[in-house]
Amino acid sequence: MTVQLNSFTFGGNYPIDKFVIDSAPNNVLNLLTLTRKDGAKLISSNYSPKEIMIRGRIAGTSQADLETNIDTFKKSVMV
């Protein structure tokens, strides 16, 4: 399986066993309740963080190569 996240492509040194991504995250509304009136006033809205799960392996030909691949993986998925 090959998956691309931003500009990083999983595959090759990063074989994937399982990839789970949920649908769109919930839209969170920040409301101000109005005194003596039914309803509320919308102050702002934002989307909660979207979660993904990636399960696989990180491969390397040597310890230095493996450490480089791990660092590259961390930089690519921490957005």
PDB file of N, CA and C in Angstrom:
ATOM      1  N   MET A   1       0.850  -1.168   0.000  1.00  0.00           N
ATOM      2  CA  MET A   1       0.000   0.000   0.000  1.00  0.00           C
ATOM      3  C   MET A   1       0.897   1.232   0.000  1.00  0.00           C
ATOM      4  N   THR A   2       0.574   2.205  -0.821  1.00  0.00           N
ATOM      5  CA  THR A   2       1.298   3.469  -0.850  1.00  0.00           C
ATOM      6  C   THR A   2       0.334   4.587  -0.482  1.00  0.00           C
ATOM      7  N   VAL A   3       0.732   5.403   0.488  1.00  0.00           N
ATOM      8  CA  VAL A   3      -0.101   6.509   0.958  1.00  0.00           C
ATOM      9  C   VAL A   3       0.746   7.763   0.950  1.00  0.00           C
ATOM     10  N   GLN A   4       0.161   8.878   0.516  1.00  0.00           N
ATOM     11  CA  GLN A   4       0.882  10.145   0.523  1.00  0.00           C
ATOM     12  C   GLN A   4       0.223  11.090   1.510  1.00  0.00           C
ATOM     13  N   LEU A   5       1.025  11.651   2.416  1.00  0.00           N
ATOM     14  CA  LEU A   5       0.564  12.607   3.409  1.00  0.00           C
ATOM     15  C   LEU A   5       1.366  13.877   3.207  1.00  0.00           C
ATOM     16  N   ASN A   6       0.692  14.958   2.816  1.00  0.00           N
ATOM     17  CA  ASN A   6       1.360  16.185   2.379  1.00  0.00           C
ATOM     18  C   ASN A   6       2.295  15.819   1.227  1.00  0.00           C
ATOM     19  N   SER A   7       3.592  16.042   1.338  1.00  0.00           N
ATOM     20  CA  SER A   7       4.503  15.691   0.250  1.00  0.00           C
ATOM     21  C   SER A   7       5.292  14.415   0.555  1.00  0.00           C
ATOM     22  N   PHE A   8       4.984  13.740   1.666  1.00  0.00           N
ATOM     23  CA  PHE A   8       5.706  12.542   2.079  1.00  0.00           C
ATOM     24  C   PHE A   8       4.940  11.307   1.609  1.00  0.00           C
ATOM     25  N   THR A   9       5.640  10.384   0.948  1.00  0.00           N
ATOM     26  CA  THR A   9       5.021   9.153   0.452  1.00  0.00           C
ATOM     27  C   THR A   9       5.482   7.972   1.281  1.00  0.00           C
ATOM     28  N   PHE A  10       4.520   7.245   1.855  1.00  0.00           N
ATOM     29  CA  PHE A  10       4.810   6.029   2.601  1.00  0.00           C
ATOM     30  C   PHE A  10       4.930   4.884   1.606  1.00  0.00           C
ATOM     31  N   GLY A  11       5.896   4.037   1.806  1.00  0.00           N
ATOM     32  CA  GLY A  11       6.183   2.931   0.907  1.00  0.00           C
ATOM     33  C   GLY A  11       7.703   2.811   0.842  1.00  0.00           C
ATOM     34  N   GLY A  12       8.228   1.794   0.246  1.00  0.00           N
ATOM     35  CA  GLY A  12       9.677   1.628   0.186  1.00  0.00           C
ATOM     36  C   GLY A  12      10.243   1.367   1.570  1.00  0.00           C
ATOM     37  N   ASN A  13      10.893   2.370   2.172  1.00  0.00           N
ATOM     38  CA  ASN A  13      11.438   2.233   3.528  1.00  0.00           C
ATOM     39  C   ASN A  13      10.352   2.317   4.600  1.00  0.00           C
ATOM     40  N   TYR A  14       9.136   2.635   4.209  1.00  0.00           N
ATOM     41  CA  TYR A  14       8.025   2.802   5.158  1.00  0.00           C
ATOM     42  C   TYR A  14       6.823   1.973   4.713  1.00  0.00           C
ATOM     43  N   PRO A  15       6.933   0.629   4.711  1.00  0.00           N
ATOM     44  CA  PRO A  15       5.784  -0.191   4.292  1.00  0.00           C
ATOM     45  C   PRO A  15       4.637  -0.075   5.299  1.00  0.00           C
ATOM     46  N   ILE A  16       3.418   0.035   4.790  1.00  0.00           N
ATOM     47  CA  ILE A  16       2.229   0.258   5.604  1.00  0.00           C
ATOM     48  C   ILE A  16       1.413  -1.022   5.698  1.00  0.00           C
ATOM     49  N   ASP A  17       1.019  -1.385   6.920  1.00  0.00           N
ATOM     50  CA  ASP A  17       0.115  -2.518   7.134  1.00  0.00           C
ATOM     51  C   ASP A  17      -1.329  -2.048   7.225  1.00  0.00           C
ATOM     52  N   LYS A  18      -1.534  -0.913   7.886  1.00  0.00           N
ATOM     53  CA  LYS A  18      -2.896  -0.425   8.124  1.00  0.00           C
ATOM     54  C   LYS A  18      -2.880   1.088   8.141  1.00  0.00           C
ATOM     55  N   PHE A  19      -3.877   1.692   7.506  1.00  0.00           N
ATOM     56  CA  PHE A  19      -4.003   3.150   7.458  1.00  0.00           C
ATOM     57  C   PHE A  19      -5.470   3.480   7.688  1.00  0.00           C
ATOM     58  N   VAL A  20      -5.772   4.203   8.752  1.00  0.00           N
ATOM     59  CA  VAL A  20      -7.159   4.548   9.088  1.00  0.00           C
ATOM     60  C   VAL A  20      -7.269   6.056   9.192  1.00  0.00           C
ATOM     61  N   ILE A  21      -8.200   6.610   8.446  1.00  0.00           N
ATOM     62  CA  ILE A  21      -8.463   8.045   8.517  1.00  0.00           C
ATOM     63  C   ILE A  21      -9.973   8.225   8.640  1.00  0.00           C
ATOM     64  N   ASP A  22     -10.377   9.001   9.605  1.00  0.00           N
ATOM     65  CA  ASP A  22     -11.807   9.240   9.821  1.00  0.00           C
ATOM     66  C   ASP A  22     -12.315  10.265   8.823  1.00  0.00           C
ATOM     67  N   SER A  23     -13.624  10.418   8.786  1.00  0.00           N
ATOM     68  CA  SER A  23     -14.226  11.436   7.931  1.00  0.00           C
ATOM     69  C   SER A  23     -13.910  12.817   8.507  1.00  0.00           C
ATOM     70  N   ALA A  24     -14.529  13.808   7.994  1.00  0.00           N
ATOM     71  CA  ALA A  24     -14.259  15.185   8.415  1.00  0.00           C
ATOM     72  C   ALA A  24     -14.447  15.338   9.924  1.00  0.00           C
ATOM     73  N   PRO A  25     -13.578  16.114  10.577  1.00  0.00           N
ATOM     74  CA  PRO A  25     -13.713  16.311  12.023  1.00  0.00           C
ATOM     75  C   PRO A  25     -14.939  17.156  12.356  1.00  0.00           C
ATOM     76  N   ASN A  26     -15.335  17.105  13.613  1.00  0.00           N
ATOM     77  CA  ASN A  26     -16.503  17.859  14.059  1.00  0.00           C
ATOM     78  C   ASN A  26     -16.230  19.359  14.022  1.00  0.00           C
ATOM     79  N   ASN A  27     -17.260  20.121  13.671  1.00  0.00           N
ATOM     80  CA  ASN A  27     -17.180  21.574  13.697  1.00  0.00           C
ATOM     81  C   ASN A  27     -17.650  22.021  15.082  1.00  0.00           C
ATOM     82  N   VAL A  28     -16.772  22.650  15.845  1.00  0.00           N
ATOM     83  CA  VAL A  28     -17.082  23.078  17.205  1.00  0.00           C
ATOM     84  C   VAL A  28     -17.550  24.532  17.165  1.00  0.00           C
ATOM     85  N   LEU A  29     -18.740  24.789  17.695  1.00  0.00           N
ATOM     86  CA  LEU A  29     -19.296  26.142  17.718  1.00  0.00           C
ATOM     87  C   LEU A  29     -19.131  26.743  19.107  1.00  0.00           C
ATOM     88  N   ASN A  30     -18.587  27.955  19.172  1.00  0.00           N
ATOM     89  CA  ASN A  30     -18.478  28.688  20.436  1.00  0.00           C
ATOM     90  C   ASN A  30     -19.639  29.670  20.489  1.00  0.00           C
ATOM     91  N   LEU A  31     -20.572  29.417  21.408  1.00  0.00           N
ATOM     92  CA  LEU A  31     -21.797  30.203  21.482  1.00  0.00           C
ATOM     93  C   LEU A  31     -21.864  31.024  22.766  1.00  0.00           C
ATOM     94  N   LEU A  32     -22.521  32.178  22.688  1.00  0.00           N
ATOM     95  CA  LEU A  32     -22.769  33.027  23.849  1.00  0.00           C
ATOM     96  C   LEU A  32     -24.279  33.035  24.081  1.00  0.00           C
ATOM     97  N   THR A  33     -24.704  32.501  25.213  1.00  0.00           N
ATOM     98  CA  THR A  33     -26.120  32.448  25.529  1.00  0.00           C
ATOM     99  C   THR A  33     -26.626  33.860  25.825  1.00  0.00           C
ATOM    100  N   LEU A  34     -27.755  34.200  25.206  1.00  0.00           N
ATOM    101  CA  LEU A  34     -28.323  35.537  25.396  1.00  0.00           C
ATOM    102  C   LEU A  34     -29.227  35.548  26.620  1.00  0.00           C
ATOM    103  N   THR A  35     -29.092  36.561  27.440  1.00  0.00           N
ATOM    104  CA  THR A  35     -29.885  36.683  28.656  1.00  0.00           C
ATOM    105  C   THR A  35     -31.344  36.981  28.315  1.00  0.00           C
ATOM    106  N   ARG A  36     -32.241  36.266  28.983  1.00  0.00           N
ATOM    107  CA  ARG A  36     -33.693  36.433  28.845  1.00  0.00           C
ATOM    108  C   ARG A  36     -34.201  36.239  27.425  1.00  0.00           C
ATOM    109  N   LYS A  37     -33.455  35.510  26.619  1.00  0.00           N
ATOM    110  CA  LYS A  37     -33.913  35.218  25.258  1.00  0.00           C
ATOM    111  C   LYS A  37     -33.583  33.766  24.963  1.00  0.00           C
ATOM    112  N   ASP A  38     -34.401  33.155  24.119  1.00  0.00           N
ATOM    113  CA  ASP A  38     -34.079  31.802  23.677  1.00  0.00           C
ATOM    114  C   ASP A  38     -33.008  31.890  22.598  1.00  0.00           C
ATOM    115  N   GLY A  39     -32.068  30.999  22.673  1.00  0.00           N
ATOM    116  CA  GLY A  39     -31.042  30.959  21.635  1.00  0.00           C
ATOM    117  C   GLY A  39     -29.701  31.471  22.123  1.00  0.00           C
ATOM    118  N   ALA A  40     -28.817  31.693  21.174  1.00  0.00           N
ATOM    119  CA  ALA A  40     -27.461  32.119  21.498  1.00  0.00           C
ATOM    120  C   ALA A  40     -26.881  32.843  20.298  1.00  0.00           C
ATOM    121  N   LYS A  41     -25.765  33.507  20.540  1.00  0.00           N
ATOM    122  CA  LYS A  41     -25.072  34.238  19.487  1.00  0.00           C
ATOM    123  C   LYS A  41     -23.777  33.485  19.164  1.00  0.00           C
ATOM    124  N   LEU A  42     -23.539  33.260  17.883  1.00  0.00           N
ATOM    125  CA  LEU A  42     -22.341  32.548  17.451  1.00  0.00           C
ATOM    126  C   LEU A  42     -21.134  33.488  17.550  1.00  0.00           C
ATOM    127  N   ILE A  43     -20.128  33.056  18.307  1.00  0.00           N
ATOM    128  CA  ILE A  43     -18.905  33.852  18.449  1.00  0.00           C
ATOM    129  C   ILE A  43     -17.867  33.395  17.429  1.00  0.00           C
ATOM    130  N   SER A  44     -17.625  32.103  17.370  1.00  0.00           N
ATOM    131  CA  SER A  44     -16.657  31.562  16.409  1.00  0.00           C
ATOM    132  C   SER A  44     -16.926  30.079  16.216  1.00  0.00           C
ATOM    133  N   SER A  45     -16.328  29.538  15.185  1.00  0.00           N
ATOM    134  CA  SER A  45     -16.413  28.104  14.944  1.00  0.00           C
ATOM    135  C   SER A  45     -15.055  27.620  14.457  1.00  0.00           C
ATOM    136  N   ASN A  46     -14.714  26.403  14.828  1.00  0.00           N
ATOM    137  CA  ASN A  46     -13.468  25.799  14.366  1.00  0.00           C
ATOM    138  C   ASN A  46     -13.637  24.289  14.337  1.00  0.00           C
ATOM    139  N   TYR A  47     -12.770  23.642  13.589  1.00  0.00           N
ATOM    140  CA  TYR A  47     -12.814  22.189  13.477  1.00  0.00           C
ATOM    141  C   TYR A  47     -11.847  21.566  14.472  1.00  0.00           C
ATOM    142  N   SER A  48     -12.291  20.504  15.110  1.00  0.00           N
ATOM    143  CA  SER A  48     -11.420  19.788  16.028  1.00  0.00           C
ATOM    144  C   SER A  48     -10.345  19.059  15.212  1.00  0.00           C
ATOM    145  N   PRO A  49      -9.237  18.685  15.840  1.00  0.00           N
ATOM    146  CA  PRO A  49      -8.161  18.012  15.094  1.00  0.00           C
ATOM    147  C   PRO A  49      -8.629  16.703  14.464  1.00  0.00           C
ATOM    148  N   LYS A  50      -8.077  16.403  13.302  1.00  0.00           N
ATOM    149  CA  LYS A  50      -8.391  15.173  12.596  1.00  0.00           C
ATOM    150  C   LYS A  50      -7.315  14.152  12.941  1.00  0.00           C
ATOM    151  N   GLU A  51      -7.728  12.945  13.289  1.00  0.00           N
ATOM    152  CA  GLU A  51      -6.787  11.912  13.681  1.00  0.00           C
ATOM    153  C   GLU A  51      -6.655  10.862  12.586  1.00  0.00           C
ATOM    154  N   ILE A  52      -5.414  10.394  12.408  1.00  0.00           N
ATOM    155  CA  ILE A  52      -5.146   9.290  11.508  1.00  0.00           C
ATOM    156  C   ILE A  52      -4.325   8.251  12.264  1.00  0.00           C
ATOM    157  N   MET A  53      -4.441   6.991  11.844  1.00  0.00           N
ATOM    158  CA  MET A  53      -3.626   5.937  12.434  1.00  0.00           C
ATOM    159  C   MET A  53      -2.857   5.255  11.311  1.00  0.00           C
ATOM    160  N   ILE A  54      -1.536   5.178  11.488  1.00  0.00           N
ATOM    161  CA  ILE A  54      -0.669   4.525  10.513  1.00  0.00           C
ATOM    162  C   ILE A  54       0.062   3.402  11.239  1.00  0.00           C
ATOM    163  N   ARG A  55      -0.069   2.185  10.726  1.00  0.00           N
ATOM    164  CA  ARG A  55       0.655   1.068  11.321  1.00  0.00           C
ATOM    165  C   ARG A  55       1.499   0.412  10.233  1.00  0.00           C
ATOM    166  N   GLY A  56       2.782   0.261  10.520  1.00  0.00           N
ATOM    167  CA  GLY A  56       3.685  -0.336   9.550  1.00  0.00           C
ATOM    168  C   GLY A  56       5.070  -0.486  10.149  1.00  0.00           C
ATOM    169  N   ARG A  57       6.064  -0.476   9.282  1.00  0.00           N
ATOM    170  CA  ARG A  57       7.454  -0.635   9.715  1.00  0.00           C
ATOM    171  C   ARG A  57       8.298   0.451   9.082  1.00  0.00           C
ATOM    172  N   ILE A  58       9.408   0.756   9.741  1.00  0.00           N
ATOM    173  CA  ILE A  58      10.402   1.653   9.181  1.00  0.00           C
ATOM    174  C   ILE A  58      11.656   0.819   8.963  1.00  0.00           C
ATOM    175  N   ALA A  59      12.145   0.775   7.728  1.00  0.00           N
ATOM    176  CA  ALA A  59      13.280  -0.069   7.382  1.00  0.00           C
ATOM    177  C   ALA A  59      14.514   0.781   7.107  1.00  0.00           C
ATOM    178  N   GLY A  60      15.666   0.177   7.323  1.00  0.00           N
ATOM    179  CA  GLY A  60      16.939   0.819   7.022  1.00  0.00           C
ATOM    180  C   GLY A  60      17.988  -0.237   6.756  1.00  0.00           C
ATOM    181  N   THR A  61      19.016   0.136   5.979  1.00  0.00           N
ATOM    182  CA  THR A  61      20.075  -0.811   5.643  1.00  0.00           C
ATOM    183  C   THR A  61      21.167  -0.855   6.703  1.00  0.00           C
ATOM    184  N   SER A  62      21.230   0.171   7.540  1.00  0.00           N
ATOM    185  CA  SER A  62      22.202   0.225   8.641  1.00  0.00           C
ATOM    186  C   SER A  62      21.568   0.999   9.784  1.00  0.00           C
ATOM    187  N   GLN A  63      22.246   1.058  10.915  1.00  0.00           N
ATOM    188  CA  GLN A  63      21.700   1.797  12.056  1.00  0.00           C
ATOM    189  C   GLN A  63      21.574   3.278  11.727  1.00  0.00           C
ATOM    190  N   ALA A  64      22.578   3.839  11.059  1.00  0.00           N
ATOM    191  CA  ALA A  64      22.525   5.264  10.694  1.00  0.00           C
ATOM    192  C   ALA A  64      21.389   5.533   9.710  1.00  0.00           C
ATOM    193  N   ASP A  65      21.212   4.639   8.725  1.00  0.00           N
ATOM    194  CA  ASP A  65      20.128   4.785   7.751  1.00  0.00           C
ATOM    195  C   ASP A  65      18.774   4.668   8.432  1.00  0.00           C
ATOM    196  N   LEU A  66      18.640   3.728   9.366  1.00  0.00           N
ATOM    197  CA  LEU A  66      17.392   3.565  10.105  1.00  0.00           C
ATOM    198  C   LEU A  66      17.079   4.808  10.927  1.00  0.00           C
ATOM    199  N   GLU A  67      18.072   5.363  11.611  1.00  0.00           N
ATOM    200  CA  GLU A  67      17.858   6.578  12.409  1.00  0.00           C
ATOM    201  C   GLU A  67      17.455   7.748  11.515  1.00  0.00           C
ATOM    202  N   THR A  68      18.067   7.859  10.343  1.00  0.00           N
ATOM    203  CA  THR A  68      17.691   8.913   9.387  1.00  0.00           C
ATOM    204  C   THR A  68      16.257   8.729   8.924  1.00  0.00           C
ATOM    205  N   ASN A  69      15.867   7.484   8.622  1.00  0.00           N
ATOM    206  CA  ASN A  69      14.494   7.213   8.187  1.00  0.00           C
ATOM    207  C   ASN A  69      13.486   7.503   9.296  1.00  0.00           C
ATOM    208  N   ILE A  70      13.828   7.209  10.543  1.00  0.00           N
ATOM    209  CA  ILE A  70      12.943   7.518  11.672  1.00  0.00           C
ATOM    210  C   ILE A  70      12.775   9.023  11.814  1.00  0.00           C
ATOM    211  N   ASP A  71      13.879   9.769  11.728  1.00  0.00           N
ATOM    212  CA  ASP A  71      13.805  11.231  11.837  1.00  0.00           C
ATOM    213  C   ASP A  71      12.995  11.834  10.697  1.00  0.00           C
ATOM    214  N   THR A  72      13.169  11.318   9.488  1.00  0.00           N
ATOM    215  CA  THR A  72      12.401  11.791   8.336  1.00  0.00           C
ATOM    216  C   THR A  72      10.914  11.517   8.534  1.00  0.00           C
ATOM    217  N   PHE A  73      10.581  10.337   9.045  1.00  0.00           N
ATOM    218  CA  PHE A  73       9.191   9.980   9.319  1.00  0.00           C
ATOM    219  C   PHE A  73       8.578  10.947  10.337  1.00  0.00           C
ATOM    220  N   LYS A  74       9.293  11.191  11.440  1.00  0.00           N
ATOM    221  CA  LYS A  74       8.767  12.089  12.467  1.00  0.00           C
ATOM    222  C   LYS A  74       8.531  13.489  11.941  1.00  0.00           C
ATOM    223  N   LYS A  75       9.466  14.025  11.158  1.00  0.00           N
ATOM    224  CA  LYS A  75       9.313  15.369  10.604  1.00  0.00           C
ATOM    225  C   LYS A  75       8.142  15.441   9.633  1.00  0.00           C
ATOM    226  N   SER A  76       7.894  14.358   8.916  1.00  0.00           N
ATOM    227  CA  SER A  76       6.862  14.359   7.886  1.00  0.00           C
ATOM    228  C   SER A  76       5.452  14.233   8.445  1.00  0.00           C
ATOM    229  N   VAL A  77       5.282  13.527   9.564  1.00  0.00           N
ATOM    230  CA  VAL A  77       3.933  13.316  10.091  1.00  0.00           C
ATOM    231  C   VAL A  77       3.565  14.314  11.194  1.00  0.00           C
ATOM    232  N   MET A  78       4.504  15.037  11.742  1.00  0.00           N
ATOM    233  CA  MET A  78       4.203  16.022  12.787  1.00  0.00           C
ATOM    234  C   MET A  78       3.891  17.363  12.151  1.00  0.00           C
ATOM    235  N   VAL A  79       2.643  17.508  11.659  1.00  0.00           N
ATOM    236  CA  VAL A  79       2.226  18.747  11.029  1.00  0.00           C
ATOM    237  C   VAL A  79       1.166  19.437  11.845  1.00  0.00           C
TER     238      VAL A  79
END
